[in-house]
């Protein structure tokens, strides 16, 4: 029974994603370049 509930939950998530009901909450800070895990800073400042 638990497997069926898990499967239905995952199926509902997949259907919602296919319908475009998800939202990307990331901002531009998530995409800033890094060098060895540290944020890259330009030399202009």
PDB file of N, CA and C in Angstrom:
ATOM      1  N   UNK A   1       0.820  -1.200   0.000  1.00  0.00           N
ATOM      2  CA  UNK A   1       0.000   0.000   0.000  1.00  0.00           C
ATOM      3  C   UNK A   1       0.863   1.263   0.000  1.00  0.00           C
ATOM      4  N   UNK A   2       1.956   1.230   0.777  1.00  0.00           N
ATOM      5  CA  UNK A   2       2.824   2.395   0.816  1.00  0.00           C
ATOM      6  C   UNK A   2       3.456   2.657  -0.547  1.00  0.00           C
ATOM      7  N   UNK A   3       3.794   1.560  -1.245  1.00  0.00           N
ATOM      8  CA  UNK A   3       4.374   1.711  -2.580  1.00  0.00           C
ATOM      9  C   UNK A   3       3.392   2.387  -3.526  1.00  0.00           C
ATOM     10  N   UNK A   4       2.147   2.025  -3.439  1.00  0.00           N
ATOM     11  CA  UNK A   4       1.124   2.622  -4.289  1.00  0.00           C
ATOM     12  C   UNK A   4       0.969   4.105  -3.991  1.00  0.00           C
ATOM     13  N   UNK A   5       0.968   4.466  -2.722  1.00  0.00           N
ATOM     14  CA  UNK A   5       0.868   5.886  -2.357  1.00  0.00           C
ATOM     15  C   UNK A   5       2.078   6.675  -2.838  1.00  0.00           C
ATOM     16  N   UNK A   6       3.262   6.097  -2.687  1.00  0.00           N
ATOM     17  CA  UNK A   6       4.474   6.762  -3.169  1.00  0.00           C
ATOM     18  C   UNK A   6       4.431   6.931  -4.683  1.00  0.00           C
ATOM     19  N   UNK A   7       4.002   5.891  -5.378  1.00  0.00           N
ATOM     20  CA  UNK A   7       3.896   5.955  -6.829  1.00  0.00           C
ATOM     21  C   UNK A   7       2.893   7.020  -7.265  1.00  0.00           C
ATOM     22  N   UNK A   8       1.757   7.095  -6.602  1.00  0.00           N
ATOM     23  CA  UNK A   8       0.760   8.111  -6.947  1.00  0.00           C
ATOM     24  C   UNK A   8       1.268   9.518  -6.656  1.00  0.00           C
ATOM     25  N   UNK A   9       2.012   9.677  -5.567  1.00  0.00           N
ATOM     26  CA  UNK A   9       2.586  10.978  -5.243  1.00  0.00           C
ATOM     27  C   UNK A   9       3.597  11.404  -6.308  1.00  0.00           C
ATOM     28  N   UNK A  10       4.470  10.486  -6.688  1.00  0.00           N
ATOM     29  CA  UNK A  10       5.451  10.804  -7.728  1.00  0.00           C
ATOM     30  C   UNK A  10       4.776  11.066  -9.071  1.00  0.00           C
ATOM     31  N   UNK A  11       3.729  10.346  -9.350  1.00  0.00           N
ATOM     32  CA  UNK A  11       2.972  10.570 -10.581  1.00  0.00           C
ATOM     33  C   UNK A  11       2.318  11.948 -10.571  1.00  0.00           C
ATOM     34  N   UNK A  12       1.795  12.371  -9.430  1.00  0.00           N
ATOM     35  CA  UNK A  12       1.200  13.705  -9.313  1.00  0.00           C
ATOM     36  C   UNK A  12       2.266  14.792  -9.479  1.00  0.00           C
ATOM     37  N   UNK A  13       3.444  14.570  -8.918  1.00  0.00           N
ATOM     38  CA  UNK A  13       4.533  15.535  -9.099  1.00  0.00           C
ATOM     39  C   UNK A  13       4.949  15.636 -10.561  1.00  0.00           C
ATOM     40  N   UNK A  14       5.043  14.507 -11.228  1.00  0.00           N
ATOM     41  CA  UNK A  14       5.416  14.503 -12.638  1.00  0.00           C
ATOM     42  C   UNK A  14       4.355  15.202 -13.486  1.00  0.00           C
ATOM     43  N   UNK A  15       3.094  14.985 -13.171  1.00  0.00           N
ATOM     44  CA  UNK A  15       2.016  15.633 -13.916  1.00  0.00           C
ATOM     45  C   UNK A  15       2.034  17.146 -13.692  1.00  0.00           C
ATOM     46  N   UNK A  16       2.290  17.565 -12.462  1.00  0.00           N
ATOM     47  CA  UNK A  16       2.366  18.999 -12.177  1.00  0.00           C
ATOM     48  C   UNK A  16       3.549  19.634 -12.897  1.00  0.00           C
ATOM     49  N   UNK A  17       4.674  18.941 -12.936  1.00  0.00           N
ATOM     50  CA  UNK A  17       5.847  19.470 -13.640  1.00  0.00           C
ATOM     51  C   UNK A  17       5.581  19.552 -15.141  1.00  0.00           C
ATOM     52  N   UNK A  18       4.925  18.544 -15.692  1.00  0.00           N
ATOM     53  CA  UNK A  18       4.603  18.544 -17.120  1.00  0.00           C
ATOM     54  C   UNK A  18       3.619  19.651 -17.466  1.00  0.00           C
ATOM     55  N   UNK A  19       2.749  19.996 -16.525  1.00  0.00           N
ATOM     56  CA  UNK A  19       1.762  21.048 -16.760  1.00  0.00           C
ATOM     57  C   UNK A  19       2.356  22.443 -16.540  1.00  0.00           C
ATOM     58  N   UNK A  20       3.606  22.500 -16.082  1.00  0.00           N
ATOM     59  CA  UNK A  20       4.250  23.800 -15.885  1.00  0.00           C
ATOM     60  C   UNK A  20       3.852  24.479 -14.593  1.00  0.00           C
ATOM     61  N   UNK A  21       3.453  23.719 -13.601  1.00  0.00           N
ATOM     62  CA  UNK A  21       3.004  24.315 -12.344  1.00  0.00           C
ATOM     63  C   UNK A  21       4.145  24.583 -11.368  1.00  0.00           C
ATOM     64  N   UNK A  22       5.358  24.203 -11.733  1.00  0.00           N
ATOM     65  CA  UNK A  22       6.512  24.450 -10.869  1.00  0.00           C
ATOM     66  C   UNK A  22       7.011  25.874 -11.038  1.00  0.00           C
ATOM     67  N   UNK A  23       7.786  26.328 -10.074  1.00  0.00           N
ATOM     68  CA  UNK A  23       8.355  27.678 -10.145  1.00  0.00           C
ATOM     69  C   UNK A  23       9.838  27.606  -9.826  1.00  0.00           C
ATOM     70  N   UNK A  24      10.635  28.307 -10.594  1.00  0.00           N
ATOM     71  CA  UNK A  24      12.069  28.380 -10.344  1.00  0.00           C
ATOM     72  C   UNK A  24      12.310  29.558  -9.410  1.00  0.00           C
ATOM     73  N   UNK A  25      12.688  29.277  -8.180  1.00  0.00           N
ATOM     74  CA  UNK A  25      12.846  30.334  -7.186  1.00  0.00           C
ATOM     75  C   UNK A  25      14.282  30.812  -7.059  1.00  0.00           C
ATOM     76  N   UNK A  26      15.161  30.291  -7.894  1.00  0.00           N
ATOM     77  CA  UNK A  26      16.564  30.711  -7.821  1.00  0.00           C
ATOM     78  C   UNK A  26      16.710  32.115  -8.390  1.00  0.00           C
ATOM     79  N   UNK A  27      17.630  32.868  -7.826  1.00  0.00           N
ATOM     80  CA  UNK A  27      17.919  34.184  -8.383  1.00  0.00           C
ATOM     81  C   UNK A  27      19.274  34.129  -9.079  1.00  0.00           C
ATOM     82  N   UNK A  28      19.749  35.265  -9.548  1.00  0.00           N
ATOM     83  CA  UNK A  28      20.989  35.289 -10.311  1.00  0.00           C
ATOM     84  C   UNK A  28      22.189  34.910  -9.464  1.00  0.00           C
ATOM     85  N   UNK A  29      22.095  34.990  -8.142  1.00  0.00           N
ATOM     86  CA  UNK A  29      23.220  34.642  -7.277  1.00  0.00           C
ATOM     87  C   UNK A  29      23.586  33.170  -7.415  1.00  0.00           C
ATOM     88  N   UNK A  30      22.626  32.335  -7.808  1.00  0.00           N
ATOM     89  CA  UNK A  30      22.903  30.914  -7.964  1.00  0.00           C
ATOM     90  C   UNK A  30      23.769  30.624  -9.181  1.00  0.00           C
ATOM     91  N   UNK A  31      23.863  31.575 -10.086  1.00  0.00           N
ATOM     92  CA  UNK A  31      24.541  31.323 -11.348  1.00  0.00           C
ATOM     93  C   UNK A  31      25.828  32.122 -11.491  1.00  0.00           C
ATOM     94  N   UNK A  32      26.289  32.765 -10.424  1.00  0.00           N
ATOM     95  CA  UNK A  32      27.522  33.531 -10.520  1.00  0.00           C
ATOM     96  C   UNK A  32      28.700  32.572 -10.648  1.00  0.00           C
ATOM     97  N   UNK A  33      29.691  32.926 -11.444  1.00  0.00           N
ATOM     98  CA  UNK A  33      30.826  32.023 -11.634  1.00  0.00           C
ATOM     99  C   UNK A  33      31.657  31.862 -10.360  1.00  0.00           C
ATOM    100  N   UNK A  34      32.275  30.710 -10.222  1.00  0.00           N
ATOM    101  CA  UNK A  34      33.122  30.441  -9.069  1.00  0.00           C
ATOM    102  C   UNK A  34      34.486  29.959  -9.536  1.00  0.00           C
ATOM    103  N   UNK A  35      35.466  30.136  -8.688  1.00  0.00           N
ATOM    104  CA  UNK A  35      36.809  29.610  -8.928  1.00  0.00           C
ATOM    105  C   UNK A  35      37.184  28.790  -7.702  1.00  0.00           C
ATOM    106  N   UNK A  36      37.281  27.484  -7.867  1.00  0.00           N
ATOM    107  CA  UNK A  36      37.577  26.567  -6.760  1.00  0.00           C
ATOM    108  C   UNK A  36      36.562  26.701  -5.633  1.00  0.00           C
ATOM    109  N   UNK A  37      35.303  26.927  -5.966  1.00  0.00           N
ATOM    110  CA  UNK A  37      34.256  27.026  -4.957  1.00  0.00           C
ATOM    111  C   UNK A  37      34.100  28.401  -4.353  1.00  0.00           C
ATOM    112  N   UNK A  38      34.948  29.326  -4.724  1.00  0.00           N
ATOM    113  CA  UNK A  38      34.827  30.703  -4.206  1.00  0.00           C
ATOM    114  C   UNK A  38      34.242  31.592  -5.286  1.00  0.00           C
ATOM    115  N   UNK A  39      33.451  32.569  -4.862  1.00  0.00           N
ATOM    116  CA  UNK A  39      32.827  33.470  -5.831  1.00  0.00           C
ATOM    117  C   UNK A  39      33.883  34.237  -6.603  1.00  0.00           C
ATOM    118  N   UNK A  40      33.681  34.311  -7.913  1.00  0.00           N
ATOM    119  CA  UNK A  40      34.594  35.047  -8.775  1.00  0.00           C
ATOM    120  C   UNK A  40      34.259  36.520  -8.690  1.00  0.00           C
ATOM    121  N   UNK A  41      35.266  37.339  -8.556  1.00  0.00           N
ATOM    122  CA  UNK A  41      35.069  38.789  -8.514  1.00  0.00           C
ATOM    123  C   UNK A  41      35.896  39.412  -9.614  1.00  0.00           C
ATOM    124  N   UNK A  42      35.323  40.361 -10.306  1.00  0.00           N
ATOM    125  CA  UNK A  42      36.055  41.038 -11.354  1.00  0.00           C
ATOM    126  C   UNK A  42      37.100  41.960 -10.735  1.00  0.00           C
ATOM    127  N   UNK A  43      38.127  42.260 -11.466  1.00  0.00           N
ATOM    128  CA  UNK A  43      39.199  43.112 -10.953  1.00  0.00           C
ATOM    129  C   UNK A  43      38.926  44.596 -11.131  1.00  0.00           C
ATOM    130  N   UNK A  44      37.706  44.962 -11.520  1.00  0.00           N
ATOM    131  CA  UNK A  44      37.416  46.377 -11.778  1.00  0.00           C
ATOM    132  C   UNK A  44      37.160  47.165 -10.503  1.00  0.00           C
ATOM    133  N   UNK A  45      36.794  46.509  -9.417  1.00  0.00           N
ATOM    134  CA  UNK A  45      36.477  47.238  -8.184  1.00  0.00           C
ATOM    135  C   UNK A  45      37.617  47.195  -7.203  1.00  0.00           C
TER     136      UNK A  45
END
